Amino acid sequence: MTNASGNGLGAMIRVWRDRLPPSAAGLGSARGRRAAGLRREELADLAGVSVDYVVRLEQGRATTPSASVVASLARALQLSSEERDHLYLLARLVRPSTGEISDHLPPGVQRVLARLGDAAAAVFAADWQLVRWNRAWAALLGDPAESPPASRNFARDRFPVDGGAPHLARWPVSEADRDATDAAVVSDLRRATGRYPHDRRLAALVAELTARNSRFAALWAAGRVGAHREDHKTIHHPSVGPVAVDCDVLTEGDTELKIVVMTAVPGSEDETKLRLAAIAGHPVEPRPVN
């Protein structure tokens, strides 16, 4: 994999090889050595591959190394975690993960959530488990704190297994294309299983929904892989009436956290209702969703 800017797979392997001094790799520096970094044969020996293969990689004649070869090269080149992930991307491979979904909010995500102003916003983990929400979200949809933490999962709300009311919206919410949203959520979960193949919470969620919700099972069987990025919803708020909002999903790269932001068209009646809902706060007696 090469490109005109010299940032392809082969070019980057050469850059990383040239910058690593032999002493850092536990190799002696022979007299008269011209190369400041590792020689190709040294990298090949450290990574457990042939010299010819390293040559072909650097020349762009080999562009699809296996995951095990990429992992060996990353270790031999002593790459940082970010550089290792970049190497996987250049090799067109899924970057490795810790194997467990994180609910931790990095400081940057916390700052974004705090500074979104009147926008209703919440953060979900990679398996659509609700992690954090702001006051505007609670005012628009109802306070998730009224539901047990284990019940605050968007996928479980979309595909209920017990016939109960949703836990993340206390009053009716309609969508422009409910079928498309259902398919997007399932394909997003499928993508998460590739990123976190050993996460027990995710595996349990998929197993439960597959066994107990026929619609989820049918969509899961389709095998689609994707991401849920946007939607258009109408929240039937008990205090201000129907509010049409755009729902955008932003993904934090390292943790796969999903920042969901609901906004109305600037200057519209819906924007006014959104602000009124935030001012009104959480109604005392919310209606359950049908």
C-alpha atoms as a PDB file:
ATOM      1  CA  MET A   1       0.000   0.000   0.000  1.00  0.00           C
ATOM      2  CA  THR A   2       1.715   3.172  -1.192  1.00  0.00           C
ATOM      3  CA  ASN A   3       0.725   6.720  -2.004  1.00  0.00           C
ATOM      4  CA  ALA A   4       2.226   9.803  -3.563  1.00  0.00           C
ATOM      5  CA  SER A   5       2.908  11.520  -0.250  1.00  0.00           C
ATOM      6  CA  GLY A   6       5.181   8.740   0.977  1.00  0.00           C
ATOM      7  CA  ASN A   7       2.910   7.922   3.901  1.00  0.00           C
ATOM      8  CA  GLY A   8       1.955   4.416   2.801  1.00  0.00           C
ATOM      9  CA  LEU A   9       2.669   1.160   4.561  1.00  0.00           C
ATOM     10  CA  GLY A  10       6.135   0.620   3.105  1.00  0.00           C
ATOM     11  CA  ALA A  11       7.225   4.219   3.564  1.00  0.00           C
ATOM     12  CA  MET A  12       6.213   4.253   7.229  1.00  0.00           C
ATOM     13  CA  ILE A  13       7.957   0.952   7.987  1.00  0.00           C
ATOM     14  CA  ARG A  14      11.126   2.482   6.499  1.00  0.00           C
ATOM     15  CA  VAL A  15      10.718   5.673   8.551  1.00  0.00           C
ATOM     16  CA  TRP A  16      10.237   3.734  11.791  1.00  0.00           C
ATOM     17  CA  ARG A  17      13.114   1.370  10.964  1.00  0.00           C
ATOM     18  CA  ASP A  18      15.471   4.288  10.251  1.00  0.00           C
ATOM     19  CA  ARG A  19      14.701   6.065  13.516  1.00  0.00           C
ATOM     20  CA  LEU A  20      15.259   3.070  15.847  1.00  0.00           C
ATOM     21  CA  PRO A  21      18.922   2.850  16.905  1.00  0.00           C
ATOM     22  CA  PRO A  22      20.347  -0.683  17.160  1.00  0.00           C
ATOM     23  CA  SER A  23      21.164  -0.114  20.828  1.00  0.00           C
ATOM     24  CA  ALA A  24      17.470   0.411  21.609  1.00  0.00           C
ATOM     25  CA  ALA A  25      16.761  -2.998  20.108  1.00  0.00           C
ATOM     26  CA  GLY A  26      19.544  -4.670  22.081  1.00  0.00           C
ATOM     27  CA  LEU A  27      21.897  -4.846  19.108  1.00  0.00           C
ATOM     28  CA  GLY A  28      25.485  -3.737  19.113  1.00  0.00           C
ATOM     29  CA  SER A  29      26.704  -0.920  16.873  1.00  0.00           C
ATOM     30  CA  ALA A  30      29.423  -2.252  14.591  1.00  0.00           C
ATOM     31  CA  ARG A  31      32.280  -0.017  13.534  1.00  0.00           C
ATOM     32  CA  GLY A  32      31.852   1.632  10.197  1.00  0.00           C
ATOM     33  CA  ARG A  33      28.076   1.182  10.329  1.00  0.00           C
ATOM     34  CA  ARG A  34      26.404   3.604   7.923  1.00  0.00           C
ATOM     35  CA  ALA A  35      22.791   3.038   8.919  1.00  0.00           C
ATOM     36  CA  ALA A  36      21.712   5.024  11.969  1.00  0.00           C
ATOM     37  CA  GLY A  37      18.654   2.832  12.417  1.00  0.00           C
ATOM     38  CA  LEU A  38      17.972  -0.846  11.990  1.00  0.00           C
ATOM     39  CA  ARG A  39      19.065  -2.675   8.888  1.00  0.00           C
ATOM     40  CA  ARG A  40      16.398  -4.596   7.005  1.00  0.00           C
ATOM     41  CA  GLU A  41      17.882  -7.902   8.033  1.00  0.00           C
ATOM     42  CA  GLU A  42      17.867  -6.806  11.687  1.00  0.00           C
ATOM     43  CA  LEU A  43      14.215  -5.834  11.535  1.00  0.00           C
ATOM     44  CA  ALA A  44      13.438  -9.122   9.800  1.00  0.00           C
ATOM     45  CA  ASP A  45      15.199 -11.074  12.533  1.00  0.00           C
ATOM     46  CA  LEU A  46      13.471  -9.153  15.339  1.00  0.00           C
ATOM     47  CA  ALA A  47      10.047  -9.543  13.726  1.00  0.00           C
ATOM     48  CA  GLY A  48      10.521 -13.172  12.739  1.00  0.00           C
ATOM     49  CA  VAL A  49       9.970 -12.637   9.015  1.00  0.00           C
ATOM     50  CA  SER A  50      12.229 -12.993   5.992  1.00  0.00           C
ATOM     51  CA  VAL A  51      14.439 -10.167   4.750  1.00  0.00           C
ATOM     52  CA  ASP A  52      12.831 -10.531   1.335  1.00  0.00           C
ATOM     53  CA  TYR A  53       9.411  -9.904   2.878  1.00  0.00           C
ATOM     54  CA  VAL A  54      10.626  -6.713   4.596  1.00  0.00           C
ATOM     55  CA  VAL A  55      12.039  -5.560   1.244  1.00  0.00           C
ATOM     56  CA  ARG A  56       8.758  -6.256  -0.508  1.00  0.00           C
ATOM     57  CA  LEU A  57       6.812  -4.432   2.202  1.00  0.00           C
ATOM     58  CA  GLU A  58       9.004  -1.346   1.982  1.00  0.00           C
ATOM     59  CA  GLN A  59       8.908  -1.340  -1.820  1.00  0.00           C
ATOM     60  CA  GLY A  60       5.140  -1.652  -1.882  1.00  0.00           C
ATOM     61  CA  ARG A  61       5.152  -5.072  -3.531  1.00  0.00           C
ATOM     62  CA  ALA A  62       3.576  -6.660  -0.459  1.00  0.00           C
ATOM     63  CA  THR A  63       0.603  -4.672   0.850  1.00  0.00           C
ATOM     64  CA  THR A  64      -1.514  -7.080   2.889  1.00  0.00           C
ATOM     65  CA  PRO A  65       0.536  -8.470   5.803  1.00  0.00           C
ATOM     66  CA  SER A  66      -1.328 -10.641   8.292  1.00  0.00           C
ATOM     67  CA  ALA A  67      -2.333  -9.350  11.715  1.00  0.00           C
ATOM     68  CA  SER A  68       0.351 -11.488  13.353  1.00  0.00           C
ATOM     69  CA  VAL A  69       3.054 -10.026  11.084  1.00  0.00           C
ATOM     70  CA  VAL A  70       1.854  -6.472  11.781  1.00  0.00           C
ATOM     71  CA  ALA A  71       1.903  -7.166  15.520  1.00  0.00           C
ATOM     72  CA  SER A  72       5.467  -8.520  15.257  1.00  0.00           C
ATOM     73  CA  LEU A  73       6.613  -5.509  13.238  1.00  0.00           C
ATOM     74  CA  ALA A  74       5.023  -3.114  15.750  1.00  0.00           C
ATOM     75  CA  ARG A  75       6.881  -4.809  18.617  1.00  0.00           C
ATOM     76  CA  ALA A  76      10.180  -4.938  16.730  1.00  0.00           C
ATOM     77  CA  LEU A  77       9.911  -1.262  15.757  1.00  0.00           C
ATOM     78  CA  GLN A  78       8.893  -0.321  19.332  1.00  0.00           C
ATOM     79  CA  LEU A  79       5.897   1.679  18.138  1.00  0.00           C
ATOM     80  CA  SER A  80       3.674   3.683  20.448  1.00  0.00           C
ATOM     81  CA  SER A  81       0.038   2.566  20.742  1.00  0.00           C
ATOM     82  CA  GLU A  82      -1.023   5.313  18.327  1.00  0.00           C
ATOM     83  CA  GLU A  83       1.676   4.339  15.820  1.00  0.00           C
ATOM     84  CA  ARG A  84       0.721   0.673  16.155  1.00  0.00           C
ATOM     85  CA  ASP A  85      -2.907   1.523  15.407  1.00  0.00           C
ATOM     86  CA  HIS A  86      -1.766   3.534  12.383  1.00  0.00           C
ATOM     87  CA  LEU A  87       0.254   0.566  11.142  1.00  0.00           C
ATOM     88  CA  TYR A  88      -2.848  -1.633  11.354  1.00  0.00           C
ATOM     89  CA  LEU A  89      -4.853   0.925   9.405  1.00  0.00           C
ATOM     90  CA  LEU A  90      -2.186   1.153   6.699  1.00  0.00           C
ATOM     91  CA  ALA A  91      -2.294  -2.637   6.429  1.00  0.00           C
ATOM     92  CA  ARG A  92      -6.101  -2.447   6.169  1.00  0.00           C
ATOM     93  CA  LEU A  93      -6.576  -4.425   9.343  1.00  0.00           C
ATOM     94  CA  VAL A  94      -8.776  -3.841  12.391  1.00  0.00           C
ATOM     95  CA  ARG A  95      -6.626  -2.362  15.108  1.00  0.00           C
ATOM     96  CA  PRO A  96      -6.279  -4.467  18.256  1.00  0.00           C
ATOM     97  CA  SER A  97      -8.231  -3.600  21.376  1.00  0.00           C
ATOM     98  CA  THR A  98      -8.017  -4.354  25.062  1.00  0.00           C
ATOM     99  CA  GLY A  99     -10.992  -6.643  24.550  1.00  0.00           C
ATOM    100  CA  GLU A 100     -13.283  -4.807  26.978  1.00  0.00           C
ATOM    101  CA  ILE A 101     -15.648  -1.914  26.388  1.00  0.00           C
ATOM    102  CA  SER A 102     -14.826   1.159  28.439  1.00  0.00           C
ATOM    103  CA  ASP A 103     -17.390   3.340  30.208  1.00  0.00           C
ATOM    104  CA  HIS A 104     -14.713   5.854  31.198  1.00  0.00           C
ATOM    105  CA  LEU A 105     -15.165   9.377  29.863  1.00  0.00           C
ATOM    106  CA  PRO A 106     -11.888  11.035  28.829  1.00  0.00           C
ATOM    107  CA  PRO A 107     -11.513  14.665  29.967  1.00  0.00           C
ATOM    108  CA  GLY A 108     -12.063  15.931  26.421  1.00  0.00           C
ATOM    109  CA  VAL A 109     -15.432  14.188  26.141  1.00  0.00           C
ATOM    110  CA  GLN A 110     -16.463  15.572  29.520  1.00  0.00           C
ATOM    111  CA  ARG A 111     -15.565  19.091  28.359  1.00  0.00           C
ATOM    112  CA  VAL A 112     -17.573  18.706  25.157  1.00  0.00           C
ATOM    113  CA  LEU A 113     -20.598  17.481  27.096  1.00  0.00           C
ATOM    114  CA  ALA A 114     -20.349  20.373  29.554  1.00  0.00           C
ATOM    115  CA  ARG A 115     -20.057  23.026  26.829  1.00  0.00           C
ATOM    116  CA  LEU A 116     -22.863  22.012  24.499  1.00  0.00           C
ATOM    117  CA  GLY A 117     -25.159  24.609  26.004  1.00  0.00           C
ATOM    118  CA  ASP A 118     -28.860  24.073  25.304  1.00  0.00           C
ATOM    119  CA  ALA A 119     -28.279  20.993  23.146  1.00  0.00           C
ATOM    120  CA  ALA A 120     -29.559  17.737  24.600  1.00  0.00           C
ATOM    121  CA  ALA A 121     -26.571  15.410  24.756  1.00  0.00           C
ATOM    122  CA  ALA A 122     -25.655  12.019  26.169  1.00  0.00           C
ATOM    123  CA  VAL A 123     -22.710   9.641  25.940  1.00  0.00           C
ATOM    124  CA  PHE A 124     -23.081   5.925  25.242  1.00  0.00           C
ATOM    125  CA  ALA A 125     -20.464   3.179  25.393  1.00  0.00           C
ATOM    126  CA  ALA A 126     -19.661   1.033  22.357  1.00  0.00           C
ATOM    127  CA  ASP A 127     -22.515  -1.353  23.263  1.00  0.00           C
ATOM    128  CA  TRP A 128     -25.005   1.551  23.542  1.00  0.00           C
ATOM    129  CA  GLN A 129     -24.963   1.533  27.336  1.00  0.00           C
ATOM    130  CA  LEU A 130     -25.805   5.025  28.578  1.00  0.00           C
ATOM    131  CA  VAL A 131     -22.855   6.485  30.481  1.00  0.00           C
ATOM    132  CA  ARG A 132     -23.593  10.198  30.981  1.00  0.00           C
ATOM    133  CA  TRP A 133     -26.193  12.811  30.019  1.00  0.00           C
ATOM    134  CA  ASN A 134     -26.713  16.525  30.541  1.00  0.00           C
ATOM    135  CA  ARG A 135     -29.628  18.442  32.028  1.00  0.00           C
ATOM    136  CA  ALA A 136     -31.101  19.278  28.621  1.00  0.00           C
ATOM    137  CA  TRP A 137     -31.242  15.567  27.729  1.00  0.00           C
ATOM    138  CA  ALA A 138     -33.136  14.756  30.932  1.00  0.00           C
ATOM    139  CA  ALA A 139     -35.516  17.659  30.326  1.00  0.00           C
ATOM    140  CA  LEU A 140     -36.214  16.632  26.730  1.00  0.00           C
ATOM    141  CA  LEU A 141     -36.561  12.869  27.136  1.00  0.00           C
ATOM    142  CA  GLY A 142     -36.972  12.282  30.852  1.00  0.00           C
ATOM    143  CA  ASP A 143     -34.337  11.638  33.468  1.00  0.00           C
ATOM    144  CA  PRO A 144     -32.546   8.282  32.912  1.00  0.00           C
ATOM    145  CA  ALA A 145     -31.629   8.298  36.588  1.00  0.00           C
ATOM    146  CA  GLU A 146     -35.133   6.999  37.292  1.00  0.00           C
ATOM    147  CA  SER A 147     -34.174   3.673  35.684  1.00  0.00           C
ATOM    148  CA  PRO A 148     -31.691   1.139  37.072  1.00  0.00           C
ATOM    149  CA  PRO A 149     -28.215   1.516  35.492  1.00  0.00           C
ATOM    150  CA  ALA A 150     -28.404  -1.941  33.916  1.00  0.00           C
ATOM    151  CA  SER A 151     -31.578  -0.928  32.048  1.00  0.00           C
ATOM    152  CA  ARG A 152     -30.068   2.167  30.441  1.00  0.00           C
ATOM    153  CA  ASN A 153     -29.183   0.615  27.108  1.00  0.00           C
ATOM    154  CA  PHE A 154     -30.405   2.043  23.814  1.00  0.00           C
ATOM    155  CA  ALA A 155     -30.288  -1.285  21.960  1.00  0.00           C
ATOM    156  CA  ARG A 156     -32.340  -2.958  24.678  1.00  0.00           C
ATOM    157  CA  ASP A 157     -34.838  -0.106  24.459  1.00  0.00           C
ATOM    158  CA  ARG A 158     -35.110  -0.571  20.680  1.00  0.00           C
ATOM    159  CA  PHE A 159     -35.593  -4.326  20.986  1.00  0.00           C
ATOM    160  CA  PRO A 160     -37.389  -5.034  24.293  1.00  0.00           C
ATOM    161  CA  VAL A 161     -37.437  -8.587  25.585  1.00  0.00           C
ATOM    162  CA  ASP A 162     -39.988  -8.250  28.377  1.00  0.00           C
ATOM    163  CA  GLY A 163     -42.673  -6.086  26.824  1.00  0.00           C
ATOM    164  CA  GLY A 164     -41.949  -3.269  29.245  1.00  0.00           C
ATOM    165  CA  ALA A 165     -41.710   0.449  28.524  1.00  0.00           C
ATOM    166  CA  PRO A 166     -38.410   1.934  27.303  1.00  0.00           C
ATOM    167  CA  HIS A 167     -36.071   3.313  29.943  1.00  0.00           C
ATOM    168  CA  LEU A 168     -34.360   6.079  27.945  1.00  0.00           C
ATOM    169  CA  ALA A 169     -37.452   8.017  26.837  1.00  0.00           C
ATOM    170  CA  ARG A 170     -40.290   8.709  29.253  1.00  0.00           C
ATOM    171  CA  TRP A 171     -42.734   9.821  26.550  1.00  0.00           C
ATOM    172  CA  PRO A 172     -43.391   8.900  22.922  1.00  0.00           C
ATOM    173  CA  VAL A 173     -40.646   9.380  20.342  1.00  0.00           C
ATOM    174  CA  SER A 174     -41.307   8.933  16.620  1.00  0.00           C
ATOM    175  CA  GLU A 175     -38.743   8.705  13.838  1.00  0.00           C
ATOM    176  CA  ALA A 176     -38.569   9.458  10.140  1.00  0.00           C
ATOM    177  CA  ASP A 177     -37.629   5.847   9.352  1.00  0.00           C
ATOM    178  CA  ARG A 178     -37.813   3.494  12.303  1.00  0.00           C
ATOM    179  CA  ASP A 179     -36.787   0.463  10.240  1.00  0.00           C
ATOM    180  CA  ALA A 180     -33.626   2.201   9.072  1.00  0.00           C
ATOM    181  CA  THR A 181     -32.745   3.201  12.637  1.00  0.00           C
ATOM    182  CA  ASP A 182     -33.288  -0.350  13.895  1.00  0.00           C
ATOM    183  CA  ALA A 183     -31.013  -1.712  11.166  1.00  0.00           C
ATOM    184  CA  ALA A 184     -28.368   0.935  11.918  1.00  0.00           C
ATOM    185  CA  VAL A 185     -28.299   0.105  15.628  1.00  0.00           C
ATOM    186  CA  VAL A 186     -27.926  -3.630  14.956  1.00  0.00           C
ATOM    187  CA  SER A 187     -25.185  -3.103  12.355  1.00  0.00           C
ATOM    188  CA  ASP A 188     -23.412  -0.815  14.823  1.00  0.00           C
ATOM    189  CA  LEU A 189     -23.510  -3.540  17.471  1.00  0.00           C
ATOM    190  CA  ARG A 190     -22.118  -5.984  14.907  1.00  0.00           C
ATOM    191  CA  ARG A 191     -19.249  -3.553  14.325  1.00  0.00           C
ATOM    192  CA  ALA A 192     -18.644  -3.391  18.089  1.00  0.00           C
ATOM    193  CA  THR A 193     -18.282  -7.181  18.286  1.00  0.00           C
ATOM    194  CA  GLY A 194     -15.391  -6.920  15.840  1.00  0.00           C
ATOM    195  CA  ARG A 195     -13.737  -4.220  17.920  1.00  0.00           C
ATOM    196  CA  TYR A 196     -14.430  -5.969  21.249  1.00  0.00           C
ATOM    197  CA  PRO A 197     -14.722  -9.704  20.484  1.00  0.00           C
ATOM    198  CA  HIS A 198     -14.127 -10.740  24.107  1.00  0.00           C
ATOM    199  CA  ASP A 199     -16.315  -8.228  25.943  1.00  0.00           C
ATOM    200  CA  ARG A 200     -18.719 -10.163  28.171  1.00  0.00           C
ATOM    201  CA  ARG A 201     -21.302  -7.403  28.536  1.00  0.00           C
ATOM    202  CA  LEU A 202     -21.591  -6.978  24.775  1.00  0.00           C
ATOM    203  CA  ALA A 203     -21.741 -10.721  24.183  1.00  0.00           C
ATOM    204  CA  ALA A 204     -24.475 -11.112  26.803  1.00  0.00           C
ATOM    205  CA  LEU A 205     -26.503  -8.268  25.269  1.00  0.00           C
ATOM    206  CA  VAL A 206     -26.341  -9.739  21.757  1.00  0.00           C
ATOM    207  CA  ALA A 207     -27.167 -13.227  23.035  1.00  0.00           C
ATOM    208  CA  GLU A 208     -30.165 -11.956  25.014  1.00  0.00           C
ATOM    209  CA  LEU A 209     -31.606  -9.881  22.159  1.00  0.00           C
ATOM    210  CA  THR A 210     -31.015 -12.598  19.577  1.00  0.00           C
ATOM    211  CA  ALA A 211     -32.789 -15.192  21.702  1.00  0.00           C
ATOM    212  CA  ARG A 212     -35.683 -13.066  22.901  1.00  0.00           C
ATOM    213  CA  ASN A 213     -36.454 -10.479  20.206  1.00  0.00           C
ATOM    214  CA  SER A 214     -37.318 -11.820  16.764  1.00  0.00           C
ATOM    215  CA  ARG A 215     -36.788  -8.519  14.978  1.00  0.00           C
ATOM    216  CA  PHE A 216     -33.296  -8.140  16.398  1.00  0.00           C
ATOM    217  CA  ALA A 217     -32.536 -11.764  15.500  1.00  0.00           C
ATOM    218  CA  ALA A 218     -33.611 -11.203  11.879  1.00  0.00           C
ATOM    219  CA  LEU A 219     -31.543  -8.044  11.517  1.00  0.00           C
ATOM    220  CA  TRP A 220     -28.559  -9.688  13.202  1.00  0.00           C
ATOM    221  CA  ALA A 221     -28.789 -12.656  10.829  1.00  0.00           C
ATOM    222  CA  ALA A 222     -28.469 -10.248   7.881  1.00  0.00           C
ATOM    223  CA  GLY A 223     -24.845  -9.704   8.919  1.00  0.00           C
ATOM    224  CA  ARG A 224     -24.664  -6.006   8.089  1.00  0.00           C
ATOM    225  CA  VAL A 225     -21.785  -4.026   9.603  1.00  0.00           C
ATOM    226  CA  GLY A 226     -21.982  -0.257   9.940  1.00  0.00           C
ATOM    227  CA  ALA A 227     -22.408   2.672  12.290  1.00  0.00           C
ATOM    228  CA  HIS A 228     -25.418   4.620  13.507  1.00  0.00           C
ATOM    229  CA  ARG A 229     -24.544   8.216  12.579  1.00  0.00           C
ATOM    230  CA  GLU A 230     -27.702  10.303  12.370  1.00  0.00           C
ATOM    231  CA  ASP A 231     -31.456  10.304  12.699  1.00  0.00           C
ATOM    232  CA  HIS A 232     -34.444  12.642  12.728  1.00  0.00           C
ATOM    233  CA  LYS A 233     -36.850  12.314  15.643  1.00  0.00           C
ATOM    234  CA  THR A 234     -39.955  13.948  17.034  1.00  0.00           C
ATOM    235  CA  ILE A 235     -40.197  13.950  20.817  1.00  0.00           C
ATOM    236  CA  HIS A 236     -43.780  14.302  22.046  1.00  0.00           C
ATOM    237  CA  HIS A 237     -42.967  16.283  25.149  1.00  0.00           C
ATOM    238  CA  PRO A 238     -45.772  16.509  27.751  1.00  0.00           C
ATOM    239  CA  SER A 239     -45.073  20.174  28.568  1.00  0.00           C
ATOM    240  CA  VAL A 240     -44.175  21.837  25.243  1.00  0.00           C
ATOM    241  CA  GLY A 241     -45.701  19.484  22.673  1.00  0.00           C
ATOM    242  CA  PRO A 242     -43.969  17.764  19.746  1.00  0.00           C
ATOM    243  CA  VAL A 243     -40.340  18.785  19.179  1.00  0.00           C
ATOM    244  CA  ALA A 244     -38.623  17.833  15.913  1.00  0.00           C
ATOM    245  CA  VAL A 245     -34.882  17.336  16.377  1.00  0.00           C
ATOM    246  CA  ASP A 246     -31.869  16.201  14.414  1.00  0.00           C
ATOM    247  CA  CYS A 247     -29.993  13.447  16.208  1.00  0.00           C
ATOM    248  CA  ASP A 248     -26.285  13.231  15.398  1.00  0.00           C
ATOM    249  CA  VAL A 249     -23.927  10.546  16.697  1.00  0.00           C
ATOM    250  CA  LEU A 250     -20.244  11.425  17.069  1.00  0.00           C
ATOM    251  CA  THR A 251     -17.780   8.651  17.896  1.00  0.00           C
ATOM    252  CA  GLU A 252     -14.720   9.194  20.089  1.00  0.00           C
ATOM    253  CA  GLY A 253     -11.986   7.308  18.263  1.00  0.00           C
ATOM    254  CA  ASP A 254      -9.988   5.574  20.974  1.00  0.00           C
ATOM    255  CA  THR A 255     -12.825   4.347  23.181  1.00  0.00           C
ATOM    256  CA  GLU A 256     -15.671   4.093  20.635  1.00  0.00           C
ATOM    257  CA  LEU A 257     -17.797   6.221  22.972  1.00  0.00           C
ATOM    258  CA  LYS A 258     -20.815   7.667  21.162  1.00  0.00           C
ATOM    259  CA  ILE A 259     -21.710  11.300  21.821  1.00  0.00           C
ATOM    260  CA  VAL A 260     -25.365  11.720  20.848  1.00  0.00           C
ATOM    261  CA  VAL A 261     -26.505  15.314  20.331  1.00  0.00           C
ATOM    262  CA  MET A 262     -30.083  16.423  19.661  1.00  0.00           C
ATOM    263  CA  THR A 263     -30.611  19.881  18.153  1.00  0.00           C
ATOM    264  CA  ALA A 264     -33.408  21.730  16.377  1.00  0.00           C
ATOM    265  CA  VAL A 265     -33.223  23.845  13.236  1.00  0.00           C
ATOM    266  CA  PRO A 266     -31.911  27.304  14.218  1.00  0.00           C
ATOM    267  CA  GLY A 267     -34.639  29.917  14.391  1.00  0.00           C
ATOM    268  CA  SER A 268     -37.418  27.354  14.167  1.00  0.00           C
ATOM    269  CA  GLU A 269     -40.396  26.804  16.442  1.00  0.00           C
ATOM    270  CA  ASP A 270     -38.800  23.511  17.423  1.00  0.00           C
ATOM    271  CA  GLU A 271     -35.706  25.320  18.666  1.00  0.00           C
ATOM    272  CA  THR A 272     -37.937  27.494  20.858  1.00  0.00           C
ATOM    273  CA  LYS A 273     -39.680  24.394  22.218  1.00  0.00           C
ATOM    274  CA  LEU A 274     -36.323  22.765  22.897  1.00  0.00           C
ATOM    275  CA  ARG A 275     -35.280  25.745  24.999  1.00  0.00           C
ATOM    276  CA  LEU A 276     -38.626  25.819  26.784  1.00  0.00           C
ATOM    277  CA  ALA A 277     -38.290  22.138  27.621  1.00  0.00           C
ATOM    278  CA  ALA A 278     -34.863  22.797  29.121  1.00  0.00           C
ATOM    279  CA  ILE A 279     -36.289  25.652  31.190  1.00  0.00           C
ATOM    280  CA  ALA A 280     -39.292  23.609  32.305  1.00  0.00           C
ATOM    281  CA  GLY A 281     -37.044  20.781  33.431  1.00  0.00           C
ATOM    282  CA  HIS A 282     -38.171  17.207  33.985  1.00  0.00           C
ATOM    283  CA  PRO A 283     -42.000  16.916  34.271  1.00  0.00           C
ATOM    284  CA  VAL A 284     -43.290  15.460  37.508  1.00  0.00           C
ATOM    285  CA  GLU A 285     -45.500  12.725  35.981  1.00  0.00           C
ATOM    286  CA  PRO A 286     -44.082  11.547  32.634  1.00  0.00           C
ATOM    287  CA  ARG A 287     -46.166   9.438  30.305  1.00  0.00           C
ATOM    288  CA  PRO A 288     -44.828   6.002  29.379  1.00  0.00           C
ATOM    289  CA  VAL A 289     -43.954   5.322  25.765  1.00  0.00           C
ATOM    290  CA  ASN A 290     -46.470   3.191  23.889  1.00  0.00           C
END
